[in-house]
Amino acid sequence: MQAARVDPVIVLVFADRVVGSLPVLRGPFWGGVLAIVCDRFDLLLCNLFSGLPRDALIVAPNPFEFWYLAVACTWRDRPAFAWTPGRSAVALLALGAAEEVQEWAPHVGRLFDGFSFLEALDAIRRAVLSPFGGG
């Protein structure tokens, strides 16, 4: 029986997600932001290193990323806010819908196919610097 081959790009994406999630243990809010940013780079990493089928990346979406940030943000900015079952249900429905759209766009809808990894980084750089007269 032949051993299963592990795609090194999948290992790289997995490592990116794990390492990018560890800072949440030190700072819940900004660590959560970093985890989301790292998660969004999965498609760009695959684009840079191989022609990996993107449908494999939609298999395990994380619908609780934005939920975690919403809770961390309210704890930080509105400590008196109470997460009642009703508020939690509404927030989870809205955030879950946003996560599904976010996963669909690059993996199924292929909305970012016109960008290479380096072009995407340059577009981010221009967007960040443009308010300051750069870009």
N, C-alpha and C. Protein backbone atom coordinates (compact mmCIF):
# COMPACT_ATOMS: atom_id res chain seq x y z
N MET A 1 0.84 -1.18 0.00
CA MET A 1 0.00 0.00 0.00
C MET A 1 0.89 1.24 0.00
N GLN A 2 0.56 2.18 -0.88
CA GLN A 2 1.36 3.39 -1.02
C GLN A 2 0.96 4.44 0.02
N ALA A 3 1.94 5.09 0.62
CA ALA A 3 1.67 6.14 1.61
C ALA A 3 1.08 7.36 0.92
N ALA A 4 0.18 8.03 1.61
CA ALA A 4 -0.45 9.23 1.06
C ALA A 4 0.59 10.35 0.99
N ARG A 5 0.56 11.09 -0.11
CA ARG A 5 1.49 12.20 -0.29
C ARG A 5 0.86 13.46 0.30
N VAL A 6 1.63 14.17 1.12
CA VAL A 6 1.16 15.42 1.72
C VAL A 6 1.66 16.57 0.87
N ASP A 7 0.76 17.39 0.41
CA ASP A 7 1.11 18.55 -0.41
C ASP A 7 1.80 19.58 0.47
N PRO A 8 3.03 19.98 0.15
CA PRO A 8 3.74 20.96 0.98
C PRO A 8 3.03 22.32 1.04
N VAL A 9 2.27 22.66 0.03
CA VAL A 9 1.54 23.93 0.06
C VAL A 9 0.42 23.88 1.09
N ILE A 10 -0.25 22.74 1.21
CA ILE A 10 -1.28 22.59 2.24
C ILE A 10 -0.63 22.70 3.62
N VAL A 11 0.55 22.11 3.79
CA VAL A 11 1.27 22.22 5.06
C VAL A 11 1.61 23.68 5.34
N LEU A 12 2.04 24.43 4.32
CA LEU A 12 2.36 25.85 4.48
C LEU A 12 1.12 26.65 4.89
N VAL A 13 0.00 26.39 4.25
CA VAL A 13 -1.24 27.09 4.58
C VAL A 13 -1.67 26.74 6.01
N PHE A 14 -1.57 25.47 6.37
CA PHE A 14 -1.92 25.05 7.73
C PHE A 14 -1.02 25.75 8.75
N ALA A 15 0.30 25.78 8.48
CA ALA A 15 1.24 26.43 9.39
C ALA A 15 0.94 27.92 9.50
N ASP A 16 0.60 28.56 8.39
CA ASP A 16 0.23 29.98 8.40
C ASP A 16 -0.96 30.22 9.31
N ARG A 17 -1.95 29.37 9.21
CA ARG A 17 -3.15 29.54 10.04
C ARG A 17 -2.86 29.29 11.52
N VAL A 18 -2.06 28.28 11.82
CA VAL A 18 -1.75 27.97 13.22
C VAL A 18 -0.88 29.06 13.83
N VAL A 19 0.23 29.38 13.17
CA VAL A 19 1.14 30.40 13.70
C VAL A 19 0.45 31.76 13.77
N GLY A 20 -0.39 32.06 12.79
CA GLY A 20 -1.12 33.32 12.80
C GLY A 20 -2.18 33.39 13.88
N SER A 21 -2.58 32.25 14.41
CA SER A 21 -3.60 32.24 15.47
C SER A 21 -3.02 32.30 16.87
N LEU A 22 -1.76 31.98 17.02
CA LEU A 22 -1.16 31.94 18.36
C LEU A 22 -1.16 33.28 19.09
N PRO A 23 -0.98 34.42 18.42
CA PRO A 23 -0.99 35.70 19.15
C PRO A 23 -2.30 36.01 19.87
N VAL A 24 -3.37 35.29 19.54
CA VAL A 24 -4.64 35.51 20.22
C VAL A 24 -4.52 35.18 21.70
N LEU A 25 -3.57 34.35 22.05
CA LEU A 25 -3.37 33.99 23.45
C LEU A 25 -2.77 35.15 24.26
N ARG A 26 -2.06 36.05 23.59
CA ARG A 26 -1.47 37.21 24.26
C ARG A 26 -2.38 38.43 24.21
N GLY A 27 -3.05 38.63 23.09
CA GLY A 27 -3.92 39.78 22.93
C GLY A 27 -5.15 39.36 22.15
N PRO A 28 -6.27 39.15 22.82
CA PRO A 28 -7.45 38.60 22.15
C PRO A 28 -7.92 39.39 20.93
N PHE A 29 -8.00 40.71 21.03
CA PHE A 29 -8.54 41.46 19.90
C PHE A 29 -7.56 41.50 18.74
N TRP A 30 -6.35 42.05 18.95
CA TRP A 30 -5.39 42.18 17.85
C TRP A 30 -4.87 40.82 17.40
N GLY A 31 -4.78 39.87 18.31
CA GLY A 31 -4.43 38.52 17.91
C GLY A 31 -5.48 37.91 17.00
N GLY A 32 -6.75 38.21 17.28
CA GLY A 32 -7.84 37.75 16.41
C GLY A 32 -7.79 38.41 15.05
N VAL A 33 -7.47 39.70 15.02
CA VAL A 33 -7.32 40.40 13.74
C VAL A 33 -6.21 39.74 12.92
N LEU A 34 -5.06 39.47 13.56
CA LEU A 34 -3.95 38.82 12.87
C LEU A 34 -4.34 37.45 12.35
N ALA A 35 -5.11 36.68 13.13
CA ALA A 35 -5.54 35.36 12.70
C ALA A 35 -6.41 35.45 11.44
N ILE A 36 -7.28 36.45 11.38
CA ILE A 36 -8.13 36.64 10.20
C ILE A 36 -7.28 37.02 9.00
N VAL A 37 -6.33 37.93 9.20
CA VAL A 37 -5.46 38.34 8.09
C VAL A 37 -4.69 37.13 7.55
N CYS A 38 -4.12 36.34 8.45
CA CYS A 38 -3.38 35.15 8.01
C CYS A 38 -4.29 34.17 7.27
N ASP A 39 -5.51 34.02 7.73
CA ASP A 39 -6.47 33.12 7.08
C ASP A 39 -6.79 33.60 5.66
N ARG A 40 -6.81 34.91 5.46
CA ARG A 40 -7.14 35.45 4.15
C ARG A 40 -6.01 35.28 3.14
N PHE A 41 -4.81 35.00 3.62
CA PHE A 41 -3.68 34.83 2.72
C PHE A 41 -3.57 33.42 2.16
N ASP A 42 -4.47 32.51 2.54
CA ASP A 42 -4.36 31.13 2.07
C ASP A 42 -4.40 31.04 0.55
N LEU A 43 -5.31 31.74 -0.07
CA LEU A 43 -5.42 31.70 -1.52
C LEU A 43 -4.19 32.30 -2.17
N LEU A 44 -3.68 33.39 -1.61
CA LEU A 44 -2.50 34.02 -2.19
C LEU A 44 -1.27 33.12 -2.05
N LEU A 45 -1.13 32.42 -0.93
CA LEU A 45 -0.02 31.49 -0.76
C LEU A 45 -0.10 30.36 -1.78
N CYS A 46 -1.30 29.85 -1.99
CA CYS A 46 -1.47 28.78 -2.96
C CYS A 46 -1.16 29.27 -4.37
N ASN A 47 -1.57 30.50 -4.66
CA ASN A 47 -1.30 31.10 -5.97
C ASN A 47 0.19 31.24 -6.19
N LEU A 48 0.92 31.62 -5.15
CA LEU A 48 2.34 31.85 -5.26
C LEU A 48 3.12 30.55 -5.44
N PHE A 49 2.74 29.50 -4.73
CA PHE A 49 3.55 28.29 -4.70
C PHE A 49 3.05 27.13 -5.55
N SER A 50 1.80 27.15 -5.98
CA SER A 50 1.32 26.03 -6.79
C SER A 50 -0.02 26.36 -7.40
N GLY A 51 -0.52 25.44 -8.18
CA GLY A 51 -1.84 25.56 -8.76
C GLY A 51 -2.85 24.73 -7.99
N LEU A 52 -2.77 24.72 -6.65
CA LEU A 52 -3.64 23.91 -5.78
C LEU A 52 -5.11 24.16 -6.10
N PRO A 53 -5.98 23.09 -6.20
CA PRO A 53 -7.42 23.30 -6.35
C PRO A 53 -7.98 24.03 -5.16
N ARG A 54 -8.56 25.19 -5.42
CA ARG A 54 -9.05 26.04 -4.34
C ARG A 54 -10.23 25.46 -3.61
N ASP A 55 -10.95 24.57 -4.26
CA ASP A 55 -12.11 23.98 -3.59
C ASP A 55 -11.69 23.25 -2.32
N ALA A 56 -10.44 22.81 -2.23
CA ALA A 56 -9.96 22.14 -1.02
C ALA A 56 -9.91 23.10 0.16
N LEU A 57 -9.80 24.40 -0.10
CA LEU A 57 -9.68 25.38 0.98
C LEU A 57 -11.03 25.75 1.59
N ILE A 58 -12.13 25.46 0.92
CA ILE A 58 -13.44 25.81 1.46
C ILE A 58 -13.99 24.72 2.37
N VAL A 59 -13.30 23.59 2.44
CA VAL A 59 -13.77 22.45 3.22
C VAL A 59 -13.87 22.77 4.70
N ALA A 60 -12.95 23.59 5.23
CA ALA A 60 -12.94 23.85 6.66
C ALA A 60 -12.95 25.35 6.96
N PRO A 61 -14.05 26.05 6.60
CA PRO A 61 -14.11 27.47 6.94
C PRO A 61 -14.25 27.65 8.45
N ASN A 62 -13.87 28.81 8.93
CA ASN A 62 -13.95 29.07 10.36
C ASN A 62 -14.99 30.16 10.61
N PRO A 63 -16.25 29.80 10.85
CA PRO A 63 -17.29 30.81 11.03
C PRO A 63 -17.20 31.56 12.35
N PHE A 64 -16.31 31.16 13.24
CA PHE A 64 -16.25 31.81 14.54
C PHE A 64 -15.18 32.89 14.63
N GLU A 65 -14.43 33.14 13.55
CA GLU A 65 -13.42 34.19 13.58
C GLU A 65 -14.06 35.54 13.90
N PHE A 66 -15.08 35.89 13.15
CA PHE A 66 -15.71 37.19 13.34
C PHE A 66 -16.50 37.23 14.65
N TRP A 67 -17.04 36.10 15.06
CA TRP A 67 -17.73 36.02 16.34
C TRP A 67 -16.75 36.32 17.48
N TYR A 68 -15.60 35.70 17.40
CA TYR A 68 -14.58 35.93 18.41
C TYR A 68 -14.20 37.41 18.47
N LEU A 69 -13.99 38.03 17.31
CA LEU A 69 -13.65 39.45 17.29
C LEU A 69 -14.78 40.31 17.83
N ALA A 70 -16.02 39.97 17.52
CA ALA A 70 -17.14 40.75 18.04
C ALA A 70 -17.18 40.69 19.57
N VAL A 71 -16.98 39.51 20.12
CA VAL A 71 -16.98 39.37 21.58
C VAL A 71 -15.79 40.10 22.19
N ALA A 72 -14.60 39.93 21.60
CA ALA A 72 -13.40 40.59 22.13
C ALA A 72 -13.56 42.11 22.07
N CYS A 73 -14.15 42.60 20.98
CA CYS A 73 -14.34 44.04 20.82
C CYS A 73 -15.32 44.58 21.86
N THR A 74 -16.41 43.87 22.10
CA THR A 74 -17.37 44.35 23.09
C THR A 74 -16.78 44.28 24.49
N TRP A 75 -16.00 43.26 24.79
CA TRP A 75 -15.36 43.20 26.11
C TRP A 75 -14.41 44.37 26.29
N ARG A 76 -13.72 44.72 25.22
CA ARG A 76 -12.74 45.81 25.30
C ARG A 76 -13.41 47.18 25.32
N ASP A 77 -14.38 47.41 24.42
CA ASP A 77 -14.96 48.74 24.23
C ASP A 77 -16.26 48.98 24.96
N ARG A 78 -17.01 47.93 25.24
CA ARG A 78 -18.30 48.06 25.94
C ARG A 78 -18.42 46.96 26.98
N PRO A 79 -17.65 47.03 28.05
CA PRO A 79 -17.65 45.94 29.03
C PRO A 79 -19.01 45.67 29.67
N ALA A 80 -19.90 46.65 29.66
CA ALA A 80 -21.22 46.44 30.27
C ALA A 80 -22.19 45.73 29.32
N PHE A 81 -21.80 45.56 28.07
CA PHE A 81 -22.67 44.90 27.08
C PHE A 81 -22.88 43.44 27.48
N ALA A 82 -24.13 43.00 27.42
CA ALA A 82 -24.46 41.62 27.77
C ALA A 82 -24.81 40.83 26.52
N TRP A 83 -24.13 39.72 26.32
CA TRP A 83 -24.43 38.83 25.20
C TRP A 83 -25.57 37.90 25.61
N THR A 84 -26.80 38.35 25.38
CA THR A 84 -27.97 37.52 25.67
C THR A 84 -28.11 36.47 24.57
N PRO A 85 -28.91 35.43 24.80
CA PRO A 85 -29.11 34.43 23.75
C PRO A 85 -29.66 35.05 22.45
N GLY A 86 -30.56 36.01 22.56
CA GLY A 86 -31.12 36.64 21.36
C GLY A 86 -30.08 37.44 20.60
N ARG A 87 -29.31 38.25 21.31
CA ARG A 87 -28.25 39.04 20.66
C ARG A 87 -27.21 38.12 20.04
N SER A 88 -26.88 37.06 20.75
CA SER A 88 -25.89 36.11 20.24
C SER A 88 -26.39 35.44 18.96
N ALA A 89 -27.65 35.05 18.94
CA ALA A 89 -28.22 34.39 17.75
C ALA A 89 -28.21 35.32 16.55
N VAL A 90 -28.63 36.57 16.75
CA VAL A 90 -28.64 37.54 15.64
C VAL A 90 -27.22 37.77 15.14
N ALA A 91 -26.28 37.97 16.07
CA ALA A 91 -24.89 38.21 15.68
C ALA A 91 -24.31 37.01 14.94
N LEU A 92 -24.57 35.79 15.45
CA LEU A 92 -24.04 34.60 14.79
C LEU A 92 -24.63 34.40 13.39
N LEU A 93 -25.90 34.70 13.23
CA LEU A 93 -26.51 34.59 11.89
C LEU A 93 -25.88 35.58 10.92
N ALA A 94 -25.74 36.83 11.34
CA ALA A 94 -25.16 37.85 10.47
C ALA A 94 -23.69 37.56 10.17
N LEU A 95 -22.94 37.20 11.20
CA LEU A 95 -21.52 36.93 11.01
C LEU A 95 -21.30 35.64 10.23
N GLY A 96 -22.15 34.65 10.44
CA GLY A 96 -22.06 33.41 9.67
C GLY A 96 -22.32 33.63 8.19
N ALA A 97 -23.30 34.49 7.87
CA ALA A 97 -23.57 34.81 6.47
C ALA A 97 -22.39 35.53 5.85
N ALA A 98 -21.79 36.47 6.59
CA ALA A 98 -20.62 37.19 6.08
C ALA A 98 -19.45 36.23 5.84
N GLU A 99 -19.26 35.27 6.73
CA GLU A 99 -18.17 34.30 6.56
C GLU A 99 -18.38 33.43 5.34
N GLU A 100 -19.62 33.01 5.10
CA GLU A 100 -19.89 32.18 3.92
C GLU A 100 -19.60 32.94 2.63
N VAL A 101 -19.99 34.22 2.57
CA VAL A 101 -19.69 35.04 1.40
C VAL A 101 -18.18 35.18 1.24
N GLN A 102 -17.50 35.43 2.37
CA GLN A 102 -16.04 35.59 2.34
C GLN A 102 -15.35 34.32 1.86
N GLU A 103 -15.85 33.16 2.21
CA GLU A 103 -15.26 31.90 1.74
C GLU A 103 -15.62 31.62 0.28
N TRP A 104 -16.83 31.97 -0.10
CA TRP A 104 -17.27 31.70 -1.46
C TRP A 104 -16.51 32.54 -2.48
N ALA A 105 -16.30 33.82 -2.16
CA ALA A 105 -15.72 34.77 -3.13
C ALA A 105 -14.41 34.28 -3.74
N PRO A 106 -13.41 33.91 -2.95
CA PRO A 106 -12.16 33.48 -3.59
C PRO A 106 -12.14 32.02 -4.02
N HIS A 107 -12.85 31.14 -3.29
CA HIS A 107 -12.70 29.72 -3.54
C HIS A 107 -13.67 29.17 -4.58
N VAL A 108 -14.87 29.65 -4.60
CA VAL A 108 -15.88 29.16 -5.56
C VAL A 108 -16.14 30.19 -6.65
N GLY A 109 -16.40 31.44 -6.24
CA GLY A 109 -16.66 32.50 -7.20
C GLY A 109 -15.43 32.96 -7.95
N ARG A 110 -14.25 32.67 -7.39
CA ARG A 110 -12.98 33.01 -8.01
C ARG A 110 -12.89 34.49 -8.40
N LEU A 111 -13.36 35.35 -7.48
CA LEU A 111 -13.42 36.78 -7.76
C LEU A 111 -12.05 37.45 -7.79
N PHE A 112 -11.03 36.80 -7.27
CA PHE A 112 -9.71 37.42 -7.22
C PHE A 112 -8.71 36.76 -8.15
N ASP A 113 -9.21 36.07 -9.15
CA ASP A 113 -8.33 35.36 -10.08
C ASP A 113 -7.42 36.29 -10.88
N GLY A 114 -7.80 37.55 -11.02
CA GLY A 114 -7.00 38.48 -11.80
C GLY A 114 -5.79 39.02 -11.07
N PHE A 115 -5.60 38.62 -9.80
CA PHE A 115 -4.48 39.12 -9.00
C PHE A 115 -3.46 38.02 -8.75
N SER A 116 -2.20 38.35 -8.92
CA SER A 116 -1.15 37.45 -8.42
C SER A 116 -0.88 37.85 -6.98
N PHE A 117 -0.08 37.06 -6.30
CA PHE A 117 0.26 37.36 -4.90
C PHE A 117 0.92 38.72 -4.79
N LEU A 118 1.90 38.99 -5.64
CA LEU A 118 2.63 40.25 -5.57
C LEU A 118 1.75 41.44 -5.97
N GLU A 119 0.86 41.25 -6.93
CA GLU A 119 -0.07 42.33 -7.30
C GLU A 119 -1.02 42.65 -6.15
N ALA A 120 -1.46 41.62 -5.44
CA ALA A 120 -2.34 41.85 -4.29
C ALA A 120 -1.61 42.60 -3.19
N LEU A 121 -0.37 42.22 -2.91
CA LEU A 121 0.41 42.95 -1.90
C LEU A 121 0.62 44.40 -2.30
N ASP A 122 0.87 44.64 -3.58
CA ASP A 122 1.04 46.02 -4.05
C ASP A 122 -0.26 46.81 -3.92
N ALA A 123 -1.39 46.19 -4.22
CA ALA A 123 -2.68 46.87 -4.08
C ALA A 123 -2.96 47.21 -2.61
N ILE A 124 -2.61 46.31 -1.71
CA ILE A 124 -2.78 46.58 -0.27
C ILE A 124 -1.87 47.73 0.15
N ARG A 125 -0.63 47.70 -0.31
CA ARG A 125 0.32 48.77 0.02
C ARG A 125 -0.20 50.12 -0.46
N ARG A 126 -0.69 50.17 -1.69
CA ARG A 126 -1.23 51.44 -2.22
C ARG A 126 -2.44 51.90 -1.43
N ALA A 127 -3.32 50.98 -1.05
CA ALA A 127 -4.52 51.35 -0.30
C ALA A 127 -4.17 51.89 1.08
N VAL A 128 -3.16 51.30 1.70
CA VAL A 128 -2.75 51.76 3.04
C VAL A 128 -2.05 53.11 2.96
N LEU A 129 -1.22 53.30 1.95
CA LEU A 129 -0.42 54.53 1.87
C LEU A 129 -1.13 55.69 1.20
N SER A 130 -2.16 55.43 0.41
CA SER A 130 -2.82 56.52 -0.33
C SER A 130 -3.40 57.63 0.55
N PRO A 131 -3.96 57.35 1.72
CA PRO A 131 -4.45 58.46 2.55
C PRO A 131 -3.33 59.40 3.04
N PHE A 132 -2.09 58.90 2.98
CA PHE A 132 -0.96 59.68 3.47
C PHE A 132 -0.17 60.31 2.33
N GLY A 133 -0.73 60.30 1.13
CA GLY A 133 -0.07 60.90 -0.01
C GLY A 133 0.91 59.96 -0.70
N GLY A 134 0.96 58.73 -0.27
CA GLY A 134 1.85 57.74 -0.90
C GLY A 134 1.08 56.87 -1.85
N GLY A 135 1.72 55.86 -2.31
CA GLY A 135 1.02 54.91 -3.15
C GLY A 135 1.70 54.76 -4.42
